[in-house]
Amino acid sequence: SGFGGCMSGADHILRAGSLEGQKYGVLSCDTTVNN
């Protein structure tokens, strides 16, 4: 919350559709976005 932590963008642009397997990527986060 508050636009903190991992963020999507830059090297890991979100794609329309399922978020399974899509990663945040920014701020050294290699975490999946799903849920």
All heavy atoms as atom14 arrays in JSON, in Angstrom:
{
  "sequence": "SGFGGCMSGADHILRAGSLEGQKYGVLSCDTTVNN",
  "atom14_mask": [
    [1, 1, 1, 1, 1, 1, 0, 0, 0, 0, 0, 0, 0, 0],
    [1, 1, 1, 1, 0, 0, 0, 0, 0, 0, 0, 0, 0, 0],
    [1, 1, 1, 1, 1, 1, 1, 1, 1, 1, 1, 0, 0, 0],
    [1, 1, 1, 1, 0, 0, 0, 0, 0, 0, 0, 0, 0, 0],
    [1, 1, 1, 1, 0, 0, 0, 0, 0, 0, 0, 0, 0, 0],
    [1, 1, 1, 1, 1, 1, 0, 0, 0, 0, 0, 0, 0, 0],
    [1, 1, 1, 1, 1, 1, 1, 1, 0, 0, 0, 0, 0, 0],
    [1, 1, 1, 1, 1, 1, 0, 0, 0, 0, 0, 0, 0, 0],
    [1, 1, 1, 1, 0, 0, 0, 0, 0, 0, 0, 0, 0, 0],
    [1, 1, 1, 1, 1, 0, 0, 0, 0, 0, 0, 0, 0, 0],
    [1, 1, 1, 1, 1, 1, 1, 1, 0, 0, 0, 0, 0, 0],
    [1, 1, 1, 1, 1, 1, 1, 1, 1, 1, 0, 0, 0, 0],
    [1, 1, 1, 1, 1, 1, 1, 1, 0, 0, 0, 0, 0, 0],
    [1, 1, 1, 1, 1, 1, 1, 1, 0, 0, 0, 0, 0, 0],
    [1, 1, 1, 1, 1, 1, 1, 1, 1, 1, 1, 0, 0, 0],
    [1, 1, 1, 1, 1, 0, 0, 0, 0, 0, 0, 0, 0, 0],
    [1, 1, 1, 1, 0, 0, 0, 0, 0, 0, 0, 0, 0, 0],
    [1, 1, 1, 1, 1, 1, 0, 0, 0, 0, 0, 0, 0, 0],
    [1, 1, 1, 1, 1, 1, 1, 1, 0, 0, 0, 0, 0, 0],
    [1, 1, 1, 1, 1, 1, 1, 1, 1, 0, 0, 0, 0, 0],
    [1, 1, 1, 1, 0, 0, 0, 0, 0, 0, 0, 0, 0, 0],
    [1, 1, 1, 1, 1, 1, 1, 1, 1, 0, 0, 0, 0, 0],
    [1, 1, 1, 1, 1, 1, 1, 1, 1, 0, 0, 0, 0, 0],
    [1, 1, 1, 1, 1, 1, 1, 1, 1, 1, 1, 1, 0, 0],
    [1, 1, 1, 1, 0, 0, 0, 0, 0, 0, 0, 0, 0, 0],
    [1, 1, 1, 1, 1, 1, 1, 0, 0, 0, 0, 0, 0, 0],
    [1, 1, 1, 1, 1, 1, 1, 1, 0, 0, 0, 0, 0, 0],
    [1, 1, 1, 1, 1, 1, 0, 0, 0, 0, 0, 0, 0, 0],
    [1, 1, 1, 1, 1, 1, 0, 0, 0, 0, 0, 0, 0, 0],
    [1, 1, 1, 1, 1, 1, 1, 1, 0, 0, 0, 0, 0, 0],
    [1, 1, 1, 1, 1, 1, 1, 0, 0, 0, 0, 0, 0, 0],
    [1, 1, 1, 1, 1, 1, 1, 0, 0, 0, 0, 0, 0, 0],
    [1, 1, 1, 1, 1, 1, 1, 0, 0, 0, 0, 0, 0, 0],
    [1, 1, 1, 1, 1, 1, 1, 1, 0, 0, 0, 0, 0, 0],
    [1, 1, 1, 1, 1, 1, 1, 1, 0, 0, 0, 0, 0, 0]
  ],
  "atom14_positions": [
    [[0.85, -1.19, 0.0], [0.0, 0.0, 0.0], [0.89, 1.24, 0.0], [2.05, 1.17, 0.37], [-0.9, 0.0, 1.24], [-1.82, -1.06, 1.16], [0.0, 0.0, 0.0], [0.0, 0.0, 0.0], [0.0, 0.0, 0.0], [0.0, 0.0, 0.0], [0.0, 0.0, 0.0], [0.0, 0.0, 0.0], [0.0, 0.0, 0.0], [0.0, 0.0, 0.0]],
    [[0.33, 2.35, -0.41], [1.09, 3.59, -0.44], [2.15, 3.61, -1.53], [3.14, 4.33, -1.4], [0.0, 0.0, 0.0], [0.0, 0.0, 0.0], [0.0, 0.0, 0.0], [0.0, 0.0, 0.0], [0.0, 0.0, 0.0], [0.0, 0.0, 0.0], [0.0, 0.0, 0.0], [0.0, 0.0, 0.0], [0.0, 0.0, 0.0], [0.0, 0.0, 0.0]],
    [[1.95, 2.82, -2.58], [2.88, 2.76, -3.72], [4.28, 2.33, -3.29], [5.28, 2.8, -3.81], [2.94, 4.11, -4.45], [1.58, 4.73, -4.68], [1.19, 5.85, -3.97], [0.7, 4.16, -5.57], [-0.07, 6.41, -4.16], [-0.56, 4.7, -5.77], [-0.94, 5.84, -5.06], [0.0, 0.0, 0.0], [0.0, 0.0, 0.0], [0.0, 0.0, 0.0]],
    [[4.34, 1.41, -2.35], [5.62, 0.96, -1.83], [5.98, -0.45, -2.26], [5.18, -1.18, -2.83], [0.0, 0.0, 0.0], [0.0, 0.0, 0.0], [0.0, 0.0, 0.0], [0.0, 0.0, 0.0], [0.0, 0.0, 0.0], [0.0, 0.0, 0.0], [0.0, 0.0, 0.0], [0.0, 0.0, 0.0], [0.0, 0.0, 0.0], [0.0, 0.0, 0.0]],
    [[7.21, -0.81, -1.95], [7.69, -2.15, -2.24], [7.92, -2.36, -3.72], [8.21, -1.44, -4.47], [0.0, 0.0, 0.0], [0.0, 0.0, 0.0], [0.0, 0.0, 0.0], [0.0, 0.0, 0.0], [0.0, 0.0, 0.0], [0.0, 0.0, 0.0], [0.0, 0.0, 0.0], [0.0, 0.0, 0.0], [0.0, 0.0, 0.0], [0.0, 0.0, 0.0]],
    [[7.78, -3.58, -4.15], [8.0, -3.95, -5.55], [7.01, -3.21, -6.44], [5.88, -2.95, -6.06], [7.82, -5.44, -5.73], [8.95, -6.44, -4.74], [0.0, 0.0, 0.0], [0.0, 0.0, 0.0], [0.0, 0.0, 0.0], [0.0, 0.0, 0.0], [0.0, 0.0, 0.0], [0.0, 0.0, 0.0], [0.0, 0.0, 0.0], [0.0, 0.0, 0.0]],
    [[7.46, -2.9, -7.67], [6.63, -2.16, -8.62], [6.78, -2.77, -10.0], [7.86, -3.17, -10.4], [7.1, -0.69, -8.65], [6.4, 0.15, -9.69], [7.07, 1.84, -9.75], [8.55, 1.59, -10.73], [0.0, 0.0, 0.0], [0.0, 0.0, 0.0], [0.0, 0.0, 0.0], [0.0, 0.0, 0.0], [0.0, 0.0, 0.0], [0.0, 0.0, 0.0]],
    [[5.67, -2.84, -10.73], [5.74, -3.29, -12.12], [6.22, -2.13, -12.98], [6.01, -0.98, -12.65], [4.37, -3.76, -12.6], [3.47, -2.68, -12.62], [0.0, 0.0, 0.0], [0.0, 0.0, 0.0], [0.0, 0.0, 0.0], [0.0, 0.0, 0.0], [0.0, 0.0, 0.0], [0.0, 0.0, 0.0], [0.0, 0.0, 0.0], [0.0, 0.0, 0.0]],
    [[6.86, -2.44, -14.07], [7.34, -1.4, -14.98], [8.77, -1.64, -15.39], [9.36, -2.67, -15.08], [0.0, 0.0, 0.0], [0.0, 0.0, 0.0], [0.0, 0.0, 0.0], [0.0, 0.0, 0.0], [0.0, 0.0, 0.0], [0.0, 0.0, 0.0], [0.0, 0.0, 0.0], [0.0, 0.0, 0.0], [0.0, 0.0, 0.0], [0.0, 0.0, 0.0]],
    [[9.35, -0.68, -16.1], [10.73, -0.74, -16.59], [10.99, -2.04, -17.33], [10.49, -2.24, -18.42], [11.73, -0.52, -15.47], [0.0, 0.0, 0.0], [0.0, 0.0, 0.0], [0.0, 0.0, 0.0], [0.0, 0.0, 0.0], [0.0, 0.0, 0.0], [0.0, 0.0, 0.0], [0.0, 0.0, 0.0], [0.0, 0.0, 0.0], [0.0, 0.0, 0.0]],
    [[11.77, -2.96, -16.75], [12.12, -4.2, -17.43], [10.99, -5.22, -17.45], [11.02, -6.17, -18.21], [13.34, -4.83, -16.77], [14.58, -3.98, -16.93], [14.64, -3.22, -17.91], [15.46, -4.05, -16.07], [0.0, 0.0, 0.0], [0.0, 0.0, 0.0], [0.0, 0.0, 0.0], [0.0, 0.0, 0.0], [0.0, 0.0, 0.0], [0.0, 0.0, 0.0]],
    [[10.02, -5.06, -16.58], [8.93, -6.02, -16.48], [7.59, -5.32, -16.66], [6.84, -5.12, -15.71], [8.98, -6.76, -15.14], [10.14, -7.68, -15.02], [11.39, -7.26, -14.65], [10.25, -9.0, -15.28], [12.22, -8.29, -14.66], [11.55, -9.35, -15.04], [0.0, 0.0, 0.0], [0.0, 0.0, 0.0], [0.0, 0.0, 0.0], [0.0, 0.0, 0.0]],
    [[7.29, -4.93, -17.89], [6.02, -4.3, -18.22], [4.92, -5.34, -18.09], [5.06, -6.46, -18.57], [6.04, -3.74, -19.66], [7.19, -2.76, -19.87], [4.7, -3.11, -20.02], [7.14, -1.53, -19.03], [0.0, 0.0, 0.0], [0.0, 0.0, 0.0], [0.0, 0.0, 0.0], [0.0, 0.0, 0.0], [0.0, 0.0, 0.0], [0.0, 0.0, 0.0]],
    [[3.82, -4.99, -17.44], [2.69, -5.91, -17.33], [2.07, -6.12, -18.7], [2.0, -5.21, -19.52], [1.63, -5.35, -16.38], [2.01, -5.3, -14.92], [0.9, -4.63, -14.12], [2.29, -6.68, -14.37], [0.0, 0.0, 0.0], [0.0, 0.0, 0.0], [0.0, 0.0, 0.0], [0.0, 0.0, 0.0], [0.0, 0.0, 0.0], [0.0, 0.0, 0.0]],
    [[1.62, -7.33, -18.94], [0.9, -7.67, -20.17], [-0.53, -7.98, -19.81], [-0.8, -8.54, -18.75], [1.55, -8.86, -20.85], [2.96, -8.54, -21.36], [3.53, -9.58, -22.3], [2.69, -9.93, -23.41], [2.6, -9.23, -24.56], [3.26, -8.12, -24.7], [1.83, -9.65, -25.53], [0.0, 0.0, 0.0], [0.0, 0.0, 0.0], [0.0, 0.0, 0.0]],
    [[-1.45, -7.61, -20.69], [-2.85, -7.91, -20.47], [-3.05, -9.42, -20.4], [-2.38, -10.18, -21.09], [-3.69, -7.32, -21.58], [0.0, 0.0, 0.0], [0.0, 0.0, 0.0], [0.0, 0.0, 0.0], [0.0, 0.0, 0.0], [0.0, 0.0, 0.0], [0.0, 0.0, 0.0], [0.0, 0.0, 0.0], [0.0, 0.0, 0.0], [0.0, 0.0, 0.0]],
    [[-3.94, -9.84, -19.52], [-4.24, -11.25, -19.34], [-3.86, -11.72, -17.95], [-3.78, -10.93, -17.01], [0.0, 0.0, 0.0], [0.0, 0.0, 0.0], [0.0, 0.0, 0.0], [0.0, 0.0, 0.0], [0.0, 0.0, 0.0], [0.0, 0.0, 0.0], [0.0, 0.0, 0.0], [0.0, 0.0, 0.0], [0.0, 0.0, 0.0], [0.0, 0.0, 0.0]],
    [[-3.6, -13.0, -17.82], [-3.28, -13.58, -16.52], [-2.0, -12.99, -15.94], [-1.04, -12.74, -16.65], [-3.12, -15.1, -16.67], [-2.67, -15.66, -15.45], [0.0, 0.0, 0.0], [0.0, 0.0, 0.0], [0.0, 0.0, 0.0], [0.0, 0.0, 0.0], [0.0, 0.0, 0.0], [0.0, 0.0, 0.0], [0.0, 0.0, 0.0], [0.0, 0.0, 0.0]],
    [[-2.0, -12.78, -14.62], [-0.8, -12.28, -13.94], [0.09, -13.42, -13.44], [1.15, -13.16, -12.89], [-1.21, -11.38, -12.76], [-1.85, -10.05, -13.18], [-2.36, -9.3, -11.97], [-0.87, -9.2, -13.96], [0.0, 0.0, 0.0], [0.0, 0.0, 0.0], [0.0, 0.0, 0.0], [0.0, 0.0, 0.0], [0.0, 0.0, 0.0], [0.0, 0.0, 0.0]],
    [[-0.31, -14.66, -13.67], [0.53, -15.79, -13.29], [1.83, -15.72, -14.07], [1.83, -15.59, -15.29], [-0.17, -17.12, -13.57], [-1.22, -17.47, -12.59], [-1.77, -18.87, -12.81], [-1.83, -19.33, -13.97], [-2.16, -19.49, -11.83], [0.0, 0.0, 0.0], [0.0, 0.0, 0.0], [0.0, 0.0, 0.0], [0.0, 0.0, 0.0], [0.0, 0.0, 0.0]],
    [[2.93, -15.76, -13.39], [4.24, -15.73, -14.04], [4.76, -14.34, -14.33], [5.94, -14.18, -14.62], [0.0, 0.0, 0.0], [0.0, 0.0, 0.0], [0.0, 0.0, 0.0], [0.0, 0.0, 0.0], [0.0, 0.0, 0.0], [0.0, 0.0, 0.0], [0.0, 0.0, 0.0], [0.0, 0.0, 0.0], [0.0, 0.0, 0.0], [0.0, 0.0, 0.0]],
    [[3.92, -13.31, -14.28], [4.4, -11.95, -14.49], [5.03, -11.44, -13.2], [4.52, -11.67, -12.12], [3.26, -11.02, -14.93], [2.7, -11.41, -16.29], [1.86, -10.3, -16.88], [2.34, -9.19, -17.07], [0.61, -10.6, -17.17], [0.0, 0.0, 0.0], [0.0, 0.0, 0.0], [0.0, 0.0, 0.0], [0.0, 0.0, 0.0], [0.0, 0.0, 0.0]],
    [[6.16, -10.74, -13.34], [6.91, -10.31, -12.16], [6.96, -8.8, -12.05], [6.85, -8.09, -13.04], [8.32, -10.88, -12.21], [8.32, -12.4, -12.2], [9.69, -12.96, -12.18], [9.58, -14.48, -12.11], [10.86, -15.11, -11.98], [0.0, 0.0, 0.0], [0.0, 0.0, 0.0], [0.0, 0.0, 0.0], [0.0, 0.0, 0.0], [0.0, 0.0, 0.0]],
    [[7.14, -8.32, -10.82], [7.27, -6.88, -10.6], [8.53, -6.35, -11.27], [8.48, -5.43, -12.05], [7.32, -6.56, -9.1], [5.98, -6.67, -8.42], [5.68, -7.73, -7.58], [5.01, -5.7, -8.61], [4.46, -7.82, -6.94], [3.78, -5.77, -7.98], [3.51, -6.84, -7.14], [2.3, -6.93, -6.52], [0.0, 0.0, 0.0], [0.0, 0.0, 0.0]],
    [[9.68, -6.91, -10.94], [10.92, -6.57, -11.63], [11.64, -5.33, -11.18], [12.85, -5.28, -11.19], [0.0, 0.0, 0.0], [0.0, 0.0, 0.0], [0.0, 0.0, 0.0], [0.0, 0.0, 0.0], [0.0, 0.0, 0.0], [0.0, 0.0, 0.0], [0.0, 0.0, 0.0], [0.0, 0.0, 0.0], [0.0, 0.0, 0.0], [0.0, 0.0, 0.0]],
    [[10.94, -4.28, -10.77], [11.58, -3.02, -10.38], [11.93, -3.08, -8.9], [11.27, -3.73, -8.11], [10.64, -1.83, -10.69], [11.25, -0.52, -10.27], [10.34, -1.8, -12.18], [0.0, 0.0, 0.0], [0.0, 0.0, 0.0], [0.0, 0.0, 0.0], [0.0, 0.0, 0.0], [0.0, 0.0, 0.0], [0.0, 0.0, 0.0], [0.0, 0.0, 0.0]],
    [[12.97, -2.39, -8.52], [13.5, -2.35, -7.14], [14.05, -3.71, -6.73], [13.88, -4.16, -5.61], [12.42, -1.89, -6.15], [11.85, -0.5, -6.39], [10.73, -0.2, -5.4], [12.92, 0.56, -6.3], [0.0, 0.0, 0.0], [0.0, 0.0, 0.0], [0.0, 0.0, 0.0], [0.0, 0.0, 0.0], [0.0, 0.0, 0.0], [0.0, 0.0, 0.0]],
    [[14.71, -4.38, -7.66], [15.33, -5.69, -7.42], [14.33, -6.73, -6.94], [14.67, -7.62, -6.18], [16.47, -5.55, -6.41], [17.44, -4.67, -6.9], [0.0, 0.0, 0.0], [0.0, 0.0, 0.0], [0.0, 0.0, 0.0], [0.0, 0.0, 0.0], [0.0, 0.0, 0.0], [0.0, 0.0, 0.0], [0.0, 0.0, 0.0], [0.0, 0.0, 0.0]],
    [[13.1, -6.62, -7.36], [12.07, -7.58, -6.98], [11.88, -8.6, -8.1], [11.63, -8.23, -9.24], [10.74, -6.87, -6.74], [10.74, -5.81, -5.31], [0.0, 0.0, 0.0], [0.0, 0.0, 0.0], [0.0, 0.0, 0.0], [0.0, 0.0, 0.0], [0.0, 0.0, 0.0], [0.0, 0.0, 0.0], [0.0, 0.0, 0.0], [0.0, 0.0, 0.0]],
    [[12.01, -9.84, -7.76], [11.78, -10.91, -8.71], [10.55, -11.7, -8.26], [10.48, -12.9, -8.39], [13.02, -11.81, -8.78], [13.0, -12.67, -10.03], [12.41, -12.24, -11.04], [13.57, -13.77, -9.99], [0.0, 0.0, 0.0], [0.0, 0.0, 0.0], [0.0, 0.0, 0.0], [0.0, 0.0, 0.0], [0.0, 0.0, 0.0], [0.0, 0.0, 0.0]],
    [[9.58, -10.98, -7.7], [8.37, -11.57, -7.13], [7.24, -11.53, -8.15], [7.11, -10.54, -8.88], [7.95, -10.76, -5.88], [9.05, -10.7, -4.99], [6.76, -11.35, -5.2], [0.0, 0.0, 0.0], [0.0, 0.0, 0.0], [0.0, 0.0, 0.0], [0.0, 0.0, 0.0], [0.0, 0.0, 0.0], [0.0, 0.0, 0.0], [0.0, 0.0, 0.0]],
    [[6.41, -12.57, -8.2], [5.29, -12.56, -9.12], [4.19, -11.62, -8.63], [3.99, -11.44, -7.43], [4.7, -13.98, -9.32], [4.3, -14.49, -8.07], [5.7, -14.89, -9.98], [0.0, 0.0, 0.0], [0.0, 0.0, 0.0], [0.0, 0.0, 0.0], [0.0, 0.0, 0.0], [0.0, 0.0, 0.0], [0.0, 0.0, 0.0], [0.0, 0.0, 0.0]],
    [[3.49, -11.03, -9.58], [2.44, -10.06, -9.29], [1.14, -10.74, -8.85], [0.39, -10.19, -8.06], [2.17, -9.19, -10.55], [1.08, -8.18, -10.3], [3.45, -8.5, -11.0], [0.0, 0.0, 0.0], [0.0, 0.0, 0.0], [0.0, 0.0, 0.0], [0.0, 0.0, 0.0], [0.0, 0.0, 0.0], [0.0, 0.0, 0.0], [0.0, 0.0, 0.0]],
    [[0.89, -11.94, -9.33], [-0.36, -12.64, -9.07], [-0.69, -12.69, -7.57], [0.11, -13.15, -6.77], [-0.29, -14.05, -9.65], [-1.62, -14.75, -9.65], [-2.65, -14.15, -9.93], [-1.61, -16.02, -9.34], [0.0, 0.0, 0.0], [0.0, 0.0, 0.0], [0.0, 0.0, 0.0], [0.0, 0.0, 0.0], [0.0, 0.0, 0.0], [0.0, 0.0, 0.0]],
    [[-1.86, -12.2, -7.22], [-2.36, -12.2, -5.84], [-1.45, -11.49, -4.85], [-1.34, -11.91, -3.7], [-2.63, -13.62, -5.35], [-3.79, -14.26, -6.06], [-4.76, -13.6, -6.42], [-3.69, -15.55, -6.3], [0.0, 0.0, 0.0], [0.0, 0.0, 0.0], [0.0, 0.0, 0.0], [0.0, 0.0, 0.0], [0.0, 0.0, 0.0], [0.0, 0.0, 0.0]]
  ]
}
